[in-house]
N, C-alpha and C. Protein backbone atom coordinates (compact mmCIF):
# COMPACT_ATOMS: atom_id res chain seq x y z
N MET A 1 2.99 22.60 7.98
CA MET A 1 3.42 21.25 7.68
C MET A 1 4.30 21.25 6.42
N ASN A 2 5.27 20.35 6.40
CA ASN A 2 6.11 20.29 5.21
C ASN A 2 5.49 19.35 4.16
N MET A 3 5.94 19.46 2.94
CA MET A 3 5.34 18.75 1.82
C MET A 3 5.36 17.22 1.99
N PRO A 4 6.46 16.60 2.46
CA PRO A 4 6.41 15.14 2.64
C PRO A 4 5.30 14.70 3.59
N ILE A 5 5.05 15.46 4.66
CA ILE A 5 3.99 15.10 5.60
C ILE A 5 2.63 15.27 4.94
N ILE A 6 2.45 16.35 4.20
CA ILE A 6 1.17 16.58 3.50
C ILE A 6 0.91 15.44 2.51
N LEU A 7 1.92 15.07 1.74
CA LEU A 7 1.75 13.99 0.76
C LEU A 7 1.50 12.65 1.46
N ALA A 8 2.15 12.41 2.59
CA ALA A 8 1.91 11.18 3.34
C ALA A 8 0.47 11.13 3.84
N LEU A 9 -0.06 12.27 4.27
CA LEU A 9 -1.46 12.33 4.71
C LEU A 9 -2.42 12.07 3.54
N VAL A 10 -2.10 12.62 2.38
CA VAL A 10 -2.91 12.34 1.18
C VAL A 10 -2.87 10.84 0.88
N GLY A 11 -1.67 10.26 0.95
CA GLY A 11 -1.53 8.82 0.74
C GLY A 11 -2.33 8.01 1.74
N MET A 12 -2.31 8.44 2.99
CA MET A 12 -3.06 7.73 4.04
C MET A 12 -4.56 7.76 3.75
N ILE A 13 -5.07 8.93 3.40
CA ILE A 13 -6.51 9.07 3.16
C ILE A 13 -6.92 8.27 1.92
N THR A 14 -6.15 8.40 0.83
CA THR A 14 -6.52 7.69 -0.39
C THR A 14 -6.37 6.18 -0.23
N ALA A 15 -5.37 5.73 0.55
CA ALA A 15 -5.23 4.30 0.81
C ALA A 15 -6.43 3.79 1.60
N GLY A 16 -6.94 4.60 2.52
CA GLY A 16 -8.14 4.22 3.26
C GLY A 16 -9.35 4.09 2.37
N VAL A 17 -9.49 5.01 1.42
CA VAL A 17 -10.62 4.93 0.47
C VAL A 17 -10.48 3.69 -0.40
N ILE A 18 -9.27 3.41 -0.87
CA ILE A 18 -9.06 2.21 -1.68
C ILE A 18 -9.41 0.96 -0.87
N SER A 19 -8.98 0.91 0.37
CA SER A 19 -9.30 -0.25 1.21
C SER A 19 -10.80 -0.43 1.35
N PHE A 20 -11.52 0.68 1.57
CA PHE A 20 -12.98 0.59 1.67
C PHE A 20 -13.58 0.07 0.36
N LEU A 21 -13.09 0.57 -0.77
CA LEU A 21 -13.61 0.11 -2.06
C LEU A 21 -13.32 -1.38 -2.25
N TRP A 22 -12.20 -1.86 -1.75
CA TRP A 22 -11.92 -3.29 -1.83
C TRP A 22 -12.94 -4.08 -1.02
N GLN A 23 -13.36 -3.53 0.10
CA GLN A 23 -14.38 -4.21 0.90
C GLN A 23 -15.71 -4.25 0.14
N VAL A 24 -16.03 -3.17 -0.56
CA VAL A 24 -17.24 -3.14 -1.39
C VAL A 24 -17.17 -4.23 -2.46
N VAL A 25 -16.01 -4.36 -3.11
CA VAL A 25 -15.82 -5.37 -4.15
C VAL A 25 -15.97 -6.77 -3.56
N GLY A 26 -15.39 -7.00 -2.39
CA GLY A 26 -15.51 -8.31 -1.74
C GLY A 26 -16.94 -8.64 -1.38
N ALA A 27 -17.67 -7.66 -0.88
CA ALA A 27 -19.07 -7.88 -0.51
C ALA A 27 -19.94 -8.15 -1.73
N ASP A 28 -19.56 -7.57 -2.87
CA ASP A 28 -20.31 -7.73 -4.11
C ASP A 28 -19.98 -9.04 -4.82
N LYS A 29 -18.99 -9.78 -4.32
CA LYS A 29 -18.55 -11.05 -4.90
C LYS A 29 -18.07 -10.87 -6.35
N MET A 30 -17.48 -9.73 -6.62
CA MET A 30 -16.92 -9.42 -7.93
C MET A 30 -15.80 -10.40 -8.25
N TYR A 31 -15.63 -10.73 -9.53
CA TYR A 31 -14.49 -11.56 -9.94
C TYR A 31 -13.24 -10.70 -9.79
N LEU A 32 -12.41 -11.03 -8.82
CA LEU A 32 -11.33 -10.15 -8.38
C LEU A 32 -10.25 -9.88 -9.43
N PRO A 33 -9.84 -10.85 -10.25
CA PRO A 33 -8.84 -10.52 -11.27
C PRO A 33 -9.32 -9.44 -12.25
N SER A 34 -10.62 -9.42 -12.55
CA SER A 34 -11.14 -8.36 -13.43
C SER A 34 -11.00 -7.00 -12.75
N TRP A 35 -11.37 -6.94 -11.47
CA TRP A 35 -11.24 -5.69 -10.71
C TRP A 35 -9.79 -5.22 -10.68
N MET A 36 -8.89 -6.17 -10.39
CA MET A 36 -7.47 -5.82 -10.28
C MET A 36 -6.93 -5.33 -11.62
N LEU A 37 -7.38 -5.92 -12.72
CA LEU A 37 -6.92 -5.50 -14.04
C LEU A 37 -7.37 -4.08 -14.36
N VAL A 38 -8.63 -3.77 -14.09
CA VAL A 38 -9.13 -2.42 -14.36
C VAL A 38 -8.44 -1.40 -13.44
N GLN A 39 -8.30 -1.75 -12.17
CA GLN A 39 -7.65 -0.84 -11.23
C GLN A 39 -6.19 -0.60 -11.65
N SER A 40 -5.48 -1.65 -11.98
CA SER A 40 -4.07 -1.51 -12.39
C SER A 40 -3.95 -0.77 -13.72
N GLY A 41 -4.88 -1.03 -14.63
CA GLY A 41 -4.88 -0.32 -15.90
C GLY A 41 -5.06 1.17 -15.71
N THR A 42 -5.90 1.54 -14.76
CA THR A 42 -6.12 2.95 -14.46
C THR A 42 -4.83 3.59 -13.94
N VAL A 43 -4.10 2.87 -13.10
CA VAL A 43 -2.81 3.37 -12.61
C VAL A 43 -1.84 3.53 -13.78
N ALA A 44 -1.81 2.55 -14.68
CA ALA A 44 -0.91 2.61 -15.84
C ALA A 44 -1.24 3.81 -16.73
N ILE A 45 -2.52 4.01 -17.02
CA ILE A 45 -2.92 5.15 -17.85
C ILE A 45 -2.58 6.46 -17.15
N GLY A 46 -2.84 6.53 -15.85
CA GLY A 46 -2.49 7.73 -15.09
C GLY A 46 -1.00 8.02 -15.15
N SER A 47 -0.18 6.98 -15.09
CA SER A 47 1.28 7.16 -15.16
C SER A 47 1.69 7.70 -16.53
N ILE A 48 1.05 7.22 -17.59
CA ILE A 48 1.35 7.72 -18.93
C ILE A 48 0.97 9.19 -19.04
N VAL A 49 -0.19 9.54 -18.50
CA VAL A 49 -0.63 10.94 -18.53
C VAL A 49 0.38 11.84 -17.80
N VAL A 50 0.87 11.40 -16.66
CA VAL A 50 1.86 12.19 -15.91
C VAL A 50 3.14 12.34 -16.74
N HIS A 51 3.59 11.26 -17.39
CA HIS A 51 4.77 11.35 -18.25
C HIS A 51 4.59 12.41 -19.33
N VAL A 52 3.45 12.37 -20.01
CA VAL A 52 3.18 13.32 -21.09
C VAL A 52 3.07 14.74 -20.53
N TRP A 53 2.35 14.89 -19.45
CA TRP A 53 2.14 16.21 -18.84
C TRP A 53 3.47 16.84 -18.41
N GLN A 54 4.33 16.03 -17.81
CA GLN A 54 5.61 16.55 -17.34
C GLN A 54 6.68 16.57 -18.44
N ARG A 55 6.32 16.08 -19.62
CA ARG A 55 7.22 16.06 -20.78
C ARG A 55 8.53 15.32 -20.48
N ASN A 56 8.39 14.19 -19.80
CA ASN A 56 9.55 13.35 -19.51
C ASN A 56 9.47 12.07 -20.33
N ALA A 57 10.59 11.72 -20.91
CA ALA A 57 10.66 10.46 -21.63
C ALA A 57 10.75 9.32 -20.63
N PHE A 58 10.26 8.15 -21.03
CA PHE A 58 10.37 6.98 -20.17
C PHE A 58 11.83 6.57 -20.11
N HIS A 59 12.33 6.41 -18.90
CA HIS A 59 13.70 5.95 -18.70
C HIS A 59 13.76 5.18 -17.40
N MET A 60 14.33 3.99 -17.48
CA MET A 60 14.51 3.20 -16.26
C MET A 60 15.70 2.27 -16.46
N PRO A 61 16.72 2.42 -15.63
CA PRO A 61 17.87 1.50 -15.72
C PRO A 61 17.41 0.06 -15.47
N PRO A 62 18.08 -0.92 -16.06
CA PRO A 62 17.68 -2.33 -15.90
C PRO A 62 17.54 -2.76 -14.44
N ARG A 63 18.44 -2.30 -13.58
CA ARG A 63 18.37 -2.69 -12.15
C ARG A 63 17.06 -2.21 -11.53
N MET A 64 16.65 -0.98 -11.84
CA MET A 64 15.41 -0.45 -11.29
C MET A 64 14.20 -1.11 -11.94
N ALA A 65 14.32 -1.49 -13.22
CA ALA A 65 13.23 -2.20 -13.89
C ALA A 65 13.00 -3.55 -13.20
N ALA A 66 14.07 -4.23 -12.87
CA ALA A 66 13.94 -5.51 -12.16
C ALA A 66 13.30 -5.31 -10.79
N LEU A 67 13.68 -4.23 -10.12
CA LEU A 67 13.08 -3.92 -8.82
C LEU A 67 11.60 -3.58 -8.97
N ALA A 68 11.24 -2.86 -10.04
CA ALA A 68 9.84 -2.52 -10.30
C ALA A 68 9.01 -3.77 -10.57
N VAL A 69 9.56 -4.72 -11.32
CA VAL A 69 8.85 -5.97 -11.59
C VAL A 69 8.67 -6.76 -10.29
N THR A 70 9.71 -6.81 -9.50
CA THR A 70 9.61 -7.51 -8.21
C THR A 70 8.56 -6.85 -7.32
N SER A 71 8.58 -5.53 -7.27
CA SER A 71 7.60 -4.78 -6.49
C SER A 71 6.18 -5.04 -7.00
N GLY A 72 6.03 -5.09 -8.31
CA GLY A 72 4.72 -5.38 -8.90
C GLY A 72 4.21 -6.75 -8.52
N MET A 73 5.09 -7.73 -8.51
CA MET A 73 4.67 -9.09 -8.13
C MET A 73 4.28 -9.14 -6.64
N ILE A 74 5.03 -8.45 -5.81
CA ILE A 74 4.70 -8.40 -4.38
C ILE A 74 3.38 -7.67 -4.18
N ALA A 75 3.17 -6.57 -4.93
CA ALA A 75 1.91 -5.84 -4.84
C ALA A 75 0.74 -6.72 -5.28
N LEU A 76 0.95 -7.52 -6.33
CA LEU A 76 -0.09 -8.45 -6.79
C LEU A 76 -0.48 -9.41 -5.67
N ILE A 77 0.50 -9.97 -5.00
CA ILE A 77 0.22 -10.89 -3.89
C ILE A 77 -0.53 -10.17 -2.77
N SER A 78 -0.06 -8.97 -2.42
CA SER A 78 -0.68 -8.21 -1.34
C SER A 78 -2.13 -7.86 -1.65
N VAL A 79 -2.37 -7.31 -2.84
CA VAL A 79 -3.72 -6.90 -3.21
C VAL A 79 -4.63 -8.13 -3.32
N ALA A 80 -4.16 -9.18 -3.99
CA ALA A 80 -4.99 -10.38 -4.15
C ALA A 80 -5.32 -11.00 -2.79
N ALA A 81 -4.33 -11.09 -1.91
CA ALA A 81 -4.58 -11.69 -0.59
C ALA A 81 -5.60 -10.87 0.19
N THR A 82 -5.47 -9.55 0.13
CA THR A 82 -6.40 -8.68 0.85
C THR A 82 -7.81 -8.79 0.27
N LEU A 83 -7.92 -8.73 -1.06
CA LEU A 83 -9.23 -8.80 -1.71
C LEU A 83 -9.92 -10.14 -1.43
N TYR A 84 -9.15 -11.23 -1.53
CA TYR A 84 -9.75 -12.55 -1.27
C TYR A 84 -10.13 -12.70 0.20
N ALA A 85 -9.33 -12.14 1.11
CA ALA A 85 -9.69 -12.19 2.53
C ALA A 85 -11.05 -11.52 2.75
N LEU A 86 -11.26 -10.38 2.09
CA LEU A 86 -12.54 -9.67 2.22
C LEU A 86 -13.67 -10.44 1.53
N ARG A 87 -13.38 -10.99 0.36
CA ARG A 87 -14.41 -11.73 -0.39
C ARG A 87 -14.86 -12.97 0.37
N LEU A 88 -13.94 -13.58 1.09
CA LEU A 88 -14.26 -14.80 1.84
C LEU A 88 -14.92 -14.49 3.18
N GLY A 89 -15.32 -13.24 3.36
CA GLY A 89 -16.07 -12.88 4.56
C GLY A 89 -15.28 -12.21 5.66
N GLY A 90 -14.01 -11.95 5.40
CA GLY A 90 -13.21 -11.25 6.41
C GLY A 90 -13.78 -9.86 6.66
N GLN A 91 -13.83 -9.48 7.91
CA GLN A 91 -14.34 -8.15 8.26
C GLN A 91 -13.25 -7.11 8.00
N GLY A 92 -13.65 -6.01 7.36
CA GLY A 92 -12.69 -4.95 7.09
C GLY A 92 -12.03 -4.43 8.35
N SER A 93 -12.80 -4.42 9.44
CA SER A 93 -12.25 -3.92 10.71
C SER A 93 -11.17 -4.83 11.27
N ILE A 94 -11.04 -6.03 10.73
CA ILE A 94 -9.96 -6.94 11.14
C ILE A 94 -8.90 -7.05 10.04
N VAL A 95 -9.36 -7.20 8.79
CA VAL A 95 -8.42 -7.39 7.68
C VAL A 95 -7.52 -6.17 7.50
N PHE A 96 -8.10 -4.96 7.48
CA PHE A 96 -7.29 -3.77 7.21
C PHE A 96 -6.23 -3.51 8.28
N PRO A 97 -6.55 -3.63 9.57
CA PRO A 97 -5.49 -3.46 10.56
C PRO A 97 -4.38 -4.50 10.42
N LEU A 98 -4.76 -5.75 10.10
CA LEU A 98 -3.73 -6.77 9.91
C LEU A 98 -2.82 -6.43 8.74
N VAL A 99 -3.40 -5.98 7.64
CA VAL A 99 -2.60 -5.58 6.48
C VAL A 99 -1.71 -4.40 6.85
N SER A 100 -2.21 -3.51 7.70
CA SER A 100 -1.44 -2.34 8.11
C SER A 100 -0.21 -2.71 8.94
N LEU A 101 -0.17 -3.92 9.45
CA LEU A 101 1.00 -4.35 10.21
C LEU A 101 2.23 -4.48 9.31
N GLY A 102 2.06 -4.19 8.02
CA GLY A 102 3.21 -4.14 7.12
C GLY A 102 4.27 -3.16 7.58
N VAL A 103 3.89 -2.23 8.45
CA VAL A 103 4.89 -1.30 8.99
C VAL A 103 5.97 -2.06 9.76
N ILE A 104 5.63 -3.24 10.26
CA ILE A 104 6.62 -4.05 10.97
C ILE A 104 7.75 -4.44 10.03
N THR A 105 7.47 -4.55 8.75
CA THR A 105 8.49 -4.86 7.75
C THR A 105 9.14 -3.58 7.23
N ALA A 106 8.31 -2.59 6.87
CA ALA A 106 8.83 -1.39 6.21
C ALA A 106 9.73 -0.53 7.09
N VAL A 107 9.36 -0.34 8.33
CA VAL A 107 10.14 0.56 9.19
C VAL A 107 11.53 0.00 9.49
N PRO A 108 11.66 -1.26 9.93
CA PRO A 108 13.02 -1.77 10.15
C PRO A 108 13.87 -1.77 8.87
N LEU A 109 13.25 -2.06 7.72
CA LEU A 109 14.00 -2.00 6.47
C LEU A 109 14.49 -0.59 6.18
N SER A 110 13.66 0.42 6.48
CA SER A 110 14.08 1.81 6.31
C SER A 110 15.24 2.15 7.24
N PHE A 111 15.17 1.66 8.46
CA PHE A 111 16.27 1.89 9.41
C PHE A 111 17.56 1.27 8.88
N ILE A 112 17.47 0.05 8.37
CA ILE A 112 18.66 -0.69 7.94
C ILE A 112 19.19 -0.18 6.60
N VAL A 113 18.34 -0.12 5.59
CA VAL A 113 18.79 0.20 4.24
C VAL A 113 19.17 1.67 4.09
N PHE A 114 18.35 2.56 4.62
CA PHE A 114 18.60 3.98 4.45
C PHE A 114 19.29 4.61 5.66
N ARG A 115 19.61 3.78 6.64
CA ARG A 115 20.31 4.23 7.84
C ARG A 115 19.61 5.41 8.52
N GLU A 116 18.28 5.31 8.54
CA GLU A 116 17.51 6.36 9.22
C GLU A 116 17.79 6.25 10.72
N PRO A 117 17.83 7.37 11.41
CA PRO A 117 18.13 7.31 12.84
C PRO A 117 17.00 6.62 13.61
N VAL A 118 17.40 5.73 14.50
CA VAL A 118 16.44 5.04 15.38
C VAL A 118 16.40 5.83 16.67
N THR A 119 15.25 6.47 16.92
CA THR A 119 15.13 7.27 18.13
C THR A 119 14.09 6.64 19.05
N THR A 120 14.17 7.00 20.30
CA THR A 120 13.19 6.50 21.27
C THR A 120 11.78 6.90 20.86
N THR A 121 11.63 8.12 20.38
CA THR A 121 10.32 8.61 19.96
C THR A 121 9.76 7.75 18.83
N LYS A 122 10.61 7.44 17.84
CA LYS A 122 10.16 6.60 16.72
C LYS A 122 9.77 5.21 17.20
N LEU A 123 10.57 4.63 18.09
CA LEU A 123 10.28 3.29 18.59
C LEU A 123 8.98 3.26 19.40
N ILE A 124 8.78 4.27 20.22
CA ILE A 124 7.53 4.35 21.01
C ILE A 124 6.34 4.53 20.06
N GLY A 125 6.47 5.41 19.08
CA GLY A 125 5.40 5.61 18.11
C GLY A 125 5.07 4.34 17.34
N LEU A 126 6.10 3.61 16.92
CA LEU A 126 5.89 2.35 16.21
C LEU A 126 5.21 1.33 17.11
N ALA A 127 5.65 1.24 18.35
CA ALA A 127 5.04 0.30 19.29
C ALA A 127 3.58 0.65 19.56
N LEU A 128 3.29 1.94 19.72
CA LEU A 128 1.89 2.36 19.93
C LEU A 128 1.04 2.05 18.70
N GLY A 129 1.59 2.30 17.51
CA GLY A 129 0.85 2.02 16.28
C GLY A 129 0.56 0.54 16.12
N VAL A 130 1.58 -0.28 16.32
CA VAL A 130 1.39 -1.73 16.22
C VAL A 130 0.45 -2.22 17.31
N GLY A 131 0.61 -1.69 18.51
CA GLY A 131 -0.29 -2.07 19.61
C GLY A 131 -1.74 -1.75 19.31
N SER A 132 -1.97 -0.58 18.73
CA SER A 132 -3.36 -0.20 18.41
C SER A 132 -3.93 -1.11 17.33
N ILE A 133 -3.11 -1.50 16.37
CA ILE A 133 -3.58 -2.39 15.32
C ILE A 133 -3.91 -3.77 15.90
N VAL A 134 -3.07 -4.26 16.79
CA VAL A 134 -3.35 -5.55 17.44
C VAL A 134 -4.66 -5.50 18.20
N VAL A 135 -4.88 -4.40 18.94
CA VAL A 135 -6.12 -4.26 19.70
C VAL A 135 -7.34 -4.22 18.75
N LEU A 136 -7.22 -3.53 17.64
CA LEU A 136 -8.33 -3.43 16.68
C LEU A 136 -8.72 -4.79 16.08
N THR A 137 -7.76 -5.71 16.00
CA THR A 137 -8.06 -7.00 15.36
C THR A 137 -8.68 -8.01 16.32
N ARG A 138 -8.88 -7.64 17.54
CA ARG A 138 -9.45 -8.59 18.51
C ARG A 138 -10.94 -8.43 18.63
């Protein structure tokens, strides 16, 4: 396997663990902004550690900084909506597949913005993935 596939699999597994932990938080009726602050703070500290470890200075052009802020606000909405859905009694077996339908947004944007080739295999795979998620939510 090549490195991008290996890293994508690591991302898939760790995202699944995070989703499960969000369900634990929802079931525990934790005050969600506190959870989100600690979780986000951990990511921030980890990012600083990586900067120091790799001996790279912080650098970000203003355009990318604006994109990072926009991404952060969208992530805030996504995480908060998912956590509150679980806290309000949503079943993980329904909430997580619905959230996973984000591929309906990400894949076409990748095709358009990065001009990735649209192949029959990719379209069939996307349709099967979306179809399986729809079936799981019923």
